[in-house]
Amino acid sequence: MAGERAQSGTMGIGMTNIQQKIKLLLGDAYGLRVESVYSERTTVIVTMPVLLERPLD
């Protein structure tokens, strides 16, 4: 999310919050990436680790 901005303005508080939460909990290697082709498509890629066991709460 380069600079937290998109073609039409800001990315929005929701996606920014999700990005920050993922990075806080999992580290800088994980998060959101947005790829967009104007008037054609927008793809949001979420990078997160695979958990083999459920963490204890």
Protein backbone atom coordinates (compact mmCIF):
# COMPACT_ATOMS: atom_id res chain seq x y z
CA MET A 1 0.00 0.00 0.00
CA ALA A 2 2.47 2.52 -1.25
CA GLY A 3 1.94 5.70 0.71
CA GLU A 4 -1.53 4.48 1.77
CA ARG A 5 -3.06 6.19 -1.30
CA ALA A 6 -4.91 4.95 -4.36
CA GLN A 7 -5.67 6.54 -7.73
CA SER A 8 -8.96 7.99 -6.44
CA GLY A 9 -7.64 9.31 -3.11
CA THR A 10 -6.87 7.68 0.22
CA MET A 11 -7.08 3.94 0.76
CA GLY A 12 -9.50 4.41 3.61
CA ILE A 13 -9.28 3.89 7.31
CA GLY A 14 -10.49 0.28 7.15
CA MET A 15 -7.72 -1.10 4.96
CA THR A 16 -5.11 0.99 6.79
CA ASN A 17 -6.29 -0.44 10.12
CA ILE A 18 -6.15 -4.00 8.78
CA GLN A 19 -2.63 -3.41 7.41
CA GLN A 20 -1.42 -2.01 10.74
CA LYS A 21 -3.03 -4.84 12.75
CA ILE A 22 -1.47 -7.57 10.59
CA LYS A 23 1.98 -5.97 10.83
CA LEU A 24 1.65 -5.46 14.59
CA LEU A 25 0.64 -9.06 15.24
CA LEU A 26 2.73 -10.88 12.62
CA GLY A 27 5.61 -8.59 11.62
CA ASP A 28 6.63 -6.53 8.61
CA ALA A 29 6.86 -9.56 6.30
CA TYR A 30 3.04 -9.81 6.30
CA GLY A 31 0.21 -7.48 5.32
CA LEU A 32 -1.82 -6.17 2.39
CA ARG A 33 -0.77 -5.35 -1.14
CA VAL A 34 -3.11 -3.60 -3.56
CA GLU A 35 -2.70 -3.90 -7.32
CA SER A 36 -4.99 -1.88 -9.55
CA VAL A 37 -5.54 -1.39 -13.28
CA TYR A 38 -7.65 1.73 -13.83
CA SER A 39 -11.23 0.96 -14.99
CA GLU A 40 -10.44 -2.74 -15.15
CA ARG A 41 -9.72 -4.40 -11.80
CA THR A 42 -8.35 -4.08 -8.29
CA THR A 43 -6.71 -7.02 -6.53
CA VAL A 44 -5.98 -7.11 -2.80
CA ILE A 45 -3.35 -9.66 -1.78
CA VAL A 46 -3.26 -10.64 1.90
CA THR A 47 0.03 -12.21 3.04
CA MET A 48 -0.18 -14.15 6.30
CA PRO A 49 1.59 -17.19 7.73
CA VAL A 50 0.02 -20.64 7.79
CA LEU A 51 -0.56 -21.77 11.38
CA LEU A 52 -0.23 -25.54 11.78
CA GLU A 53 -1.67 -25.49 15.30
CA ARG A 54 -4.21 -23.25 16.95
CA PRO A 55 -2.47 -20.80 19.32
CA LEU A 56 -3.49 -20.89 22.98
CA ASP A 57 -5.56 -17.92 24.11
